[in-house]
Each structure stands twice: as structure tokens, then as C-alpha cells.
Amino acid sequence: MSETRIELVQLANGDIALRHSDNPDQPLVTINISDQVQDLMPMDRLDIAQSMVEAGIERYRDIQIERVEQQELAVASGMLH
């Protein structure tokens, strides 16, 4: 099985994109930071975007764990969906 690599990059238009390194034309997520906010943190854009992506991944993981726990409780209590 081949390893999939993702990368966080700044695009030519200033947006930040999370994409597969072998498919740069199809971003998984694009973050557009307004000019007003960019003026406040011109050097920190990639760090901010990385934190946003990490928070999103962590929240997704938490949701998946909650769903598994709910299913386990339903099975243990005899409820089936």
C-alpha cells in the first residue's frame, strides 16, 4: 500500500490549501484569510491555517469516537437502528 502525503501550501492567490502532494490541482481544503486579518498577522498565515486544520481533524476524530460509543451503548442496551 502506498503512503499518501498531504501538504499545507500557500497558493499564488494567497489562499492556503491542504492537498495531496501527488494531486496539487485538487485541494482538500482551501482557507481564505481576509485582507483585514492578513494585515494583522502577515507572517503567521501558515501557522494559523495549520492550527485550523489540526483543530478540524481533532474534532472529526472526536465525532467518530462519539458515534462508536453511541453505537456500542445502543447494542449493549439492545437497541438497534
N, C-alpha and C. Protein backbone atom coordinates (compact mmCIF):
# COMPACT_ATOMS: atom_id res chain seq x y z
N MET A 1 0.84 -1.18 0.00
CA MET A 1 0.00 0.00 0.00
C MET A 1 0.89 1.24 0.00
N SER A 2 0.58 2.20 -0.86
CA SER A 2 1.38 3.41 -0.94
C SER A 2 0.95 4.41 0.12
N GLU A 3 1.90 5.20 0.54
CA GLU A 3 1.65 6.21 1.56
C GLU A 3 1.15 7.49 0.90
N THR A 4 0.08 8.04 1.44
CA THR A 4 -0.46 9.29 0.93
C THR A 4 0.08 10.43 1.77
N ARG A 5 0.63 11.41 1.13
CA ARG A 5 1.15 12.58 1.83
C ARG A 5 0.26 13.78 1.53
N ILE A 6 0.00 14.56 2.55
CA ILE A 6 -0.72 15.80 2.35
C ILE A 6 0.20 16.94 2.74
N GLU A 7 -0.07 18.10 2.16
CA GLU A 7 0.76 19.26 2.43
C GLU A 7 -0.12 20.50 2.57
N LEU A 8 0.37 21.43 3.34
CA LEU A 8 -0.29 22.71 3.53
C LEU A 8 0.57 23.74 2.82
N VAL A 9 -0.01 24.41 1.81
CA VAL A 9 0.77 25.33 0.99
C VAL A 9 0.02 26.64 0.79
N GLN A 10 0.79 27.68 0.54
CA GLN A 10 0.17 28.95 0.17
C GLN A 10 0.10 29.02 -1.35
N LEU A 11 -1.08 29.28 -1.86
CA LEU A 11 -1.31 29.36 -3.30
C LEU A 11 -0.92 30.74 -3.82
N ALA A 12 -0.83 30.86 -5.13
CA ALA A 12 -0.44 32.13 -5.77
C ALA A 12 -1.38 33.27 -5.40
N ASN A 13 -2.67 32.94 -5.17
CA ASN A 13 -3.65 33.99 -4.84
C ASN A 13 -3.66 34.34 -3.35
N GLY A 14 -2.78 33.70 -2.56
CA GLY A 14 -2.69 33.99 -1.13
C GLY A 14 -3.47 33.04 -0.25
N ASP A 15 -4.38 32.26 -0.84
CA ASP A 15 -5.12 31.27 -0.06
C ASP A 15 -4.17 30.18 0.43
N ILE A 16 -4.59 29.49 1.46
CA ILE A 16 -3.84 28.35 1.98
C ILE A 16 -4.62 27.10 1.59
N ALA A 17 -3.92 26.09 1.08
CA ALA A 17 -4.59 24.86 0.64
C ALA A 17 -3.97 23.65 1.31
N LEU A 18 -4.84 22.73 1.71
CA LEU A 18 -4.43 21.41 2.17
C LEU A 18 -4.69 20.49 0.99
N ARG A 19 -3.66 19.79 0.54
CA ARG A 19 -3.83 18.97 -0.65
C ARG A 19 -2.93 17.74 -0.60
N HIS A 20 -3.28 16.76 -1.43
CA HIS A 20 -2.40 15.61 -1.61
C HIS A 20 -1.20 16.08 -2.41
N SER A 21 -0.02 15.67 -2.00
CA SER A 21 1.18 16.13 -2.70
C SER A 21 1.23 15.63 -4.14
N ASP A 22 0.59 14.49 -4.42
CA ASP A 22 0.62 13.97 -5.78
C ASP A 22 -0.53 14.49 -6.64
N ASN A 23 -1.40 15.34 -6.08
CA ASN A 23 -2.52 15.90 -6.84
C ASN A 23 -2.72 17.37 -6.43
N PRO A 24 -1.77 18.23 -6.76
CA PRO A 24 -1.83 19.61 -6.28
C PRO A 24 -2.97 20.45 -6.83
N ASP A 25 -3.61 20.00 -7.91
CA ASP A 25 -4.69 20.79 -8.52
C ASP A 25 -6.04 20.56 -7.85
N GLN A 26 -6.13 19.63 -6.91
CA GLN A 26 -7.39 19.29 -6.25
C GLN A 26 -7.25 19.45 -4.73
N PRO A 27 -7.32 20.68 -4.22
CA PRO A 27 -7.17 20.86 -2.77
C PRO A 27 -8.29 20.15 -2.00
N LEU A 28 -7.94 19.61 -0.84
CA LEU A 28 -8.93 19.01 0.05
C LEU A 28 -9.67 20.10 0.81
N VAL A 29 -8.94 21.13 1.19
CA VAL A 29 -9.49 22.27 1.93
C VAL A 29 -8.75 23.51 1.45
N THR A 30 -9.49 24.60 1.30
CA THR A 30 -8.86 25.88 0.97
C THR A 30 -9.29 26.89 2.03
N ILE A 31 -8.32 27.61 2.56
CA ILE A 31 -8.59 28.63 3.58
C ILE A 31 -8.27 29.99 2.97
N ASN A 32 -9.25 30.87 3.01
CA ASN A 32 -9.07 32.22 2.51
C ASN A 32 -9.10 33.15 3.72
N ILE A 33 -8.00 33.82 3.95
CA ILE A 33 -7.89 34.75 5.08
C ILE A 33 -8.09 36.16 4.52
N SER A 34 -9.04 36.89 5.09
CA SER A 34 -9.36 38.22 4.56
C SER A 34 -8.15 39.16 4.64
N ASP A 35 -8.18 40.17 3.78
CA ASP A 35 -7.11 41.16 3.78
C ASP A 35 -6.98 41.84 5.14
N GLN A 36 -8.12 42.09 5.76
CA GLN A 36 -8.10 42.75 7.07
C GLN A 36 -7.35 41.91 8.10
N VAL A 37 -7.59 40.62 8.11
CA VAL A 37 -6.91 39.74 9.06
C VAL A 37 -5.45 39.55 8.65
N GLN A 38 -5.18 39.47 7.36
CA GLN A 38 -3.80 39.32 6.90
C GLN A 38 -2.94 40.50 7.33
N ASP A 39 -3.53 41.69 7.35
CA ASP A 39 -2.79 42.87 7.80
C ASP A 39 -2.38 42.73 9.27
N LEU A 40 -3.18 42.03 10.06
CA LEU A 40 -2.89 41.85 11.48
C LEU A 40 -1.82 40.79 11.72
N MET A 41 -1.69 39.84 10.80
CA MET A 41 -0.76 38.72 11.03
C MET A 41 -0.10 38.26 9.73
N PRO A 42 0.62 39.12 9.04
CA PRO A 42 1.15 38.76 7.72
C PRO A 42 2.12 37.57 7.74
N MET A 43 2.85 37.37 8.79
CA MET A 43 3.84 36.30 8.81
C MET A 43 3.31 35.01 9.42
N ASP A 44 2.11 35.02 9.97
CA ASP A 44 1.60 33.88 10.72
C ASP A 44 0.53 33.08 9.97
N ARG A 45 0.27 33.38 8.72
CA ARG A 45 -0.83 32.74 8.00
C ARG A 45 -0.74 31.23 7.96
N LEU A 46 0.42 30.68 7.62
CA LEU A 46 0.55 29.23 7.54
C LEU A 46 0.39 28.58 8.91
N ASP A 47 0.91 29.22 9.94
CA ASP A 47 0.76 28.67 11.30
C ASP A 47 -0.71 28.67 11.72
N ILE A 48 -1.41 29.75 11.42
CA ILE A 48 -2.84 29.83 11.75
C ILE A 48 -3.61 28.77 10.97
N ALA A 49 -3.33 28.65 9.68
CA ALA A 49 -4.02 27.65 8.86
C ALA A 49 -3.73 26.24 9.36
N GLN A 50 -2.50 25.97 9.74
CA GLN A 50 -2.16 24.65 10.27
C GLN A 50 -2.94 24.36 11.54
N SER A 51 -3.06 25.33 12.41
CA SER A 51 -3.84 25.15 13.64
C SER A 51 -5.31 24.89 13.33
N MET A 52 -5.84 25.58 12.32
CA MET A 52 -7.23 25.39 11.92
C MET A 52 -7.45 23.96 11.40
N VAL A 53 -6.54 23.49 10.57
CA VAL A 53 -6.64 22.13 10.03
C VAL A 53 -6.52 21.10 11.14
N GLU A 54 -5.56 21.29 12.04
CA GLU A 54 -5.38 20.36 13.16
C GLU A 54 -6.63 20.31 14.03
N ALA A 55 -7.24 21.47 14.29
CA ALA A 55 -8.46 21.51 15.09
C ALA A 55 -9.60 20.78 14.38
N GLY A 56 -9.69 20.95 13.08
CA GLY A 56 -10.73 20.26 12.31
C GLY A 56 -10.54 18.75 12.34
N ILE A 57 -9.32 18.29 12.19
CA ILE A 57 -9.03 16.85 12.23
C ILE A 57 -9.34 16.30 13.61
N GLU A 58 -8.95 17.02 14.65
CA GLU A 58 -9.22 16.57 16.02
C GLU A 58 -10.71 16.50 16.29
N ARG A 59 -11.45 17.48 15.83
CA ARG A 59 -12.91 17.46 16.03
C ARG A 59 -13.55 16.31 15.27
N TYR A 60 -13.10 16.06 14.06
CA TYR A 60 -13.62 14.94 13.28
C TYR A 60 -13.37 13.62 14.02
N ARG A 61 -12.17 13.46 14.56
CA ARG A 61 -11.84 12.26 15.33
C ARG A 61 -12.76 12.13 16.53
N ASP A 62 -13.00 13.22 17.24
CA ASP A 62 -13.88 13.19 18.41
C ASP A 62 -15.30 12.78 18.03
N ILE A 63 -15.79 13.29 16.92
CA ILE A 63 -17.14 12.94 16.45
C ILE A 63 -17.20 11.44 16.14
N GLN A 64 -16.17 10.91 15.50
CA GLN A 64 -16.16 9.49 15.18
C GLN A 64 -16.14 8.63 16.45
N ILE A 65 -15.38 9.04 17.43
CA ILE A 65 -15.33 8.31 18.70
C ILE A 65 -16.70 8.35 19.38
N GLU A 66 -17.35 9.52 19.37
CA GLU A 66 -18.69 9.64 19.96
C GLU A 66 -19.68 8.72 19.27
N ARG A 67 -19.61 8.63 17.95
CA ARG A 67 -20.53 7.76 17.20
C ARG A 67 -20.32 6.29 17.55
N VAL A 68 -19.07 5.88 17.65
CA VAL A 68 -18.78 4.49 18.02
C VAL A 68 -19.30 4.21 19.42
N GLU A 69 -19.07 5.13 20.35
CA GLU A 69 -19.55 4.93 21.72
C GLU A 69 -21.06 4.85 21.76
N GLN A 70 -21.75 5.69 20.99
CA GLN A 70 -23.21 5.64 20.94
C GLN A 70 -23.70 4.32 20.37
N GLN A 71 -23.04 3.82 19.34
CA GLN A 71 -23.42 2.54 18.76
C GLN A 71 -23.19 1.40 19.76
N GLU A 72 -22.09 1.46 20.48
CA GLU A 72 -21.81 0.43 21.47
C GLU A 72 -22.85 0.44 22.59
N LEU A 73 -23.26 1.63 23.01
CA LEU A 73 -24.31 1.73 24.04
C LEU A 73 -25.63 1.19 23.53
N ALA A 74 -25.95 1.50 22.28
CA ALA A 74 -27.20 1.02 21.69
C ALA A 74 -27.20 -0.49 21.62
N VAL A 75 -26.10 -1.08 21.21
CA VAL A 75 -26.01 -2.54 21.12
C VAL A 75 -26.10 -3.15 22.52
N ALA A 76 -25.41 -2.56 23.48
CA ALA A 76 -25.42 -3.09 24.86
C ALA A 76 -26.80 -3.01 25.48
N SER A 77 -27.58 -1.99 25.11
CA SER A 77 -28.91 -1.84 25.68
C SER A 77 -29.98 -2.58 24.89
N GLY A 78 -29.57 -3.21 23.77
CA GLY A 78 -30.50 -3.97 22.96
C GLY A 78 -31.21 -3.15 21.91
N MET A 79 -30.86 -1.87 21.76
CA MET A 79 -31.47 -1.04 20.72
C MET A 79 -30.67 -1.18 19.44
N LEU A 80 -31.37 -1.38 18.36
CA LEU A 80 -30.71 -1.43 17.06
C LEU A 80 -31.33 -0.38 16.17
N HIS A 81 -30.53 0.22 15.33
CA HIS A 81 -31.01 1.25 14.41
C HIS A 81 -31.24 0.66 13.06
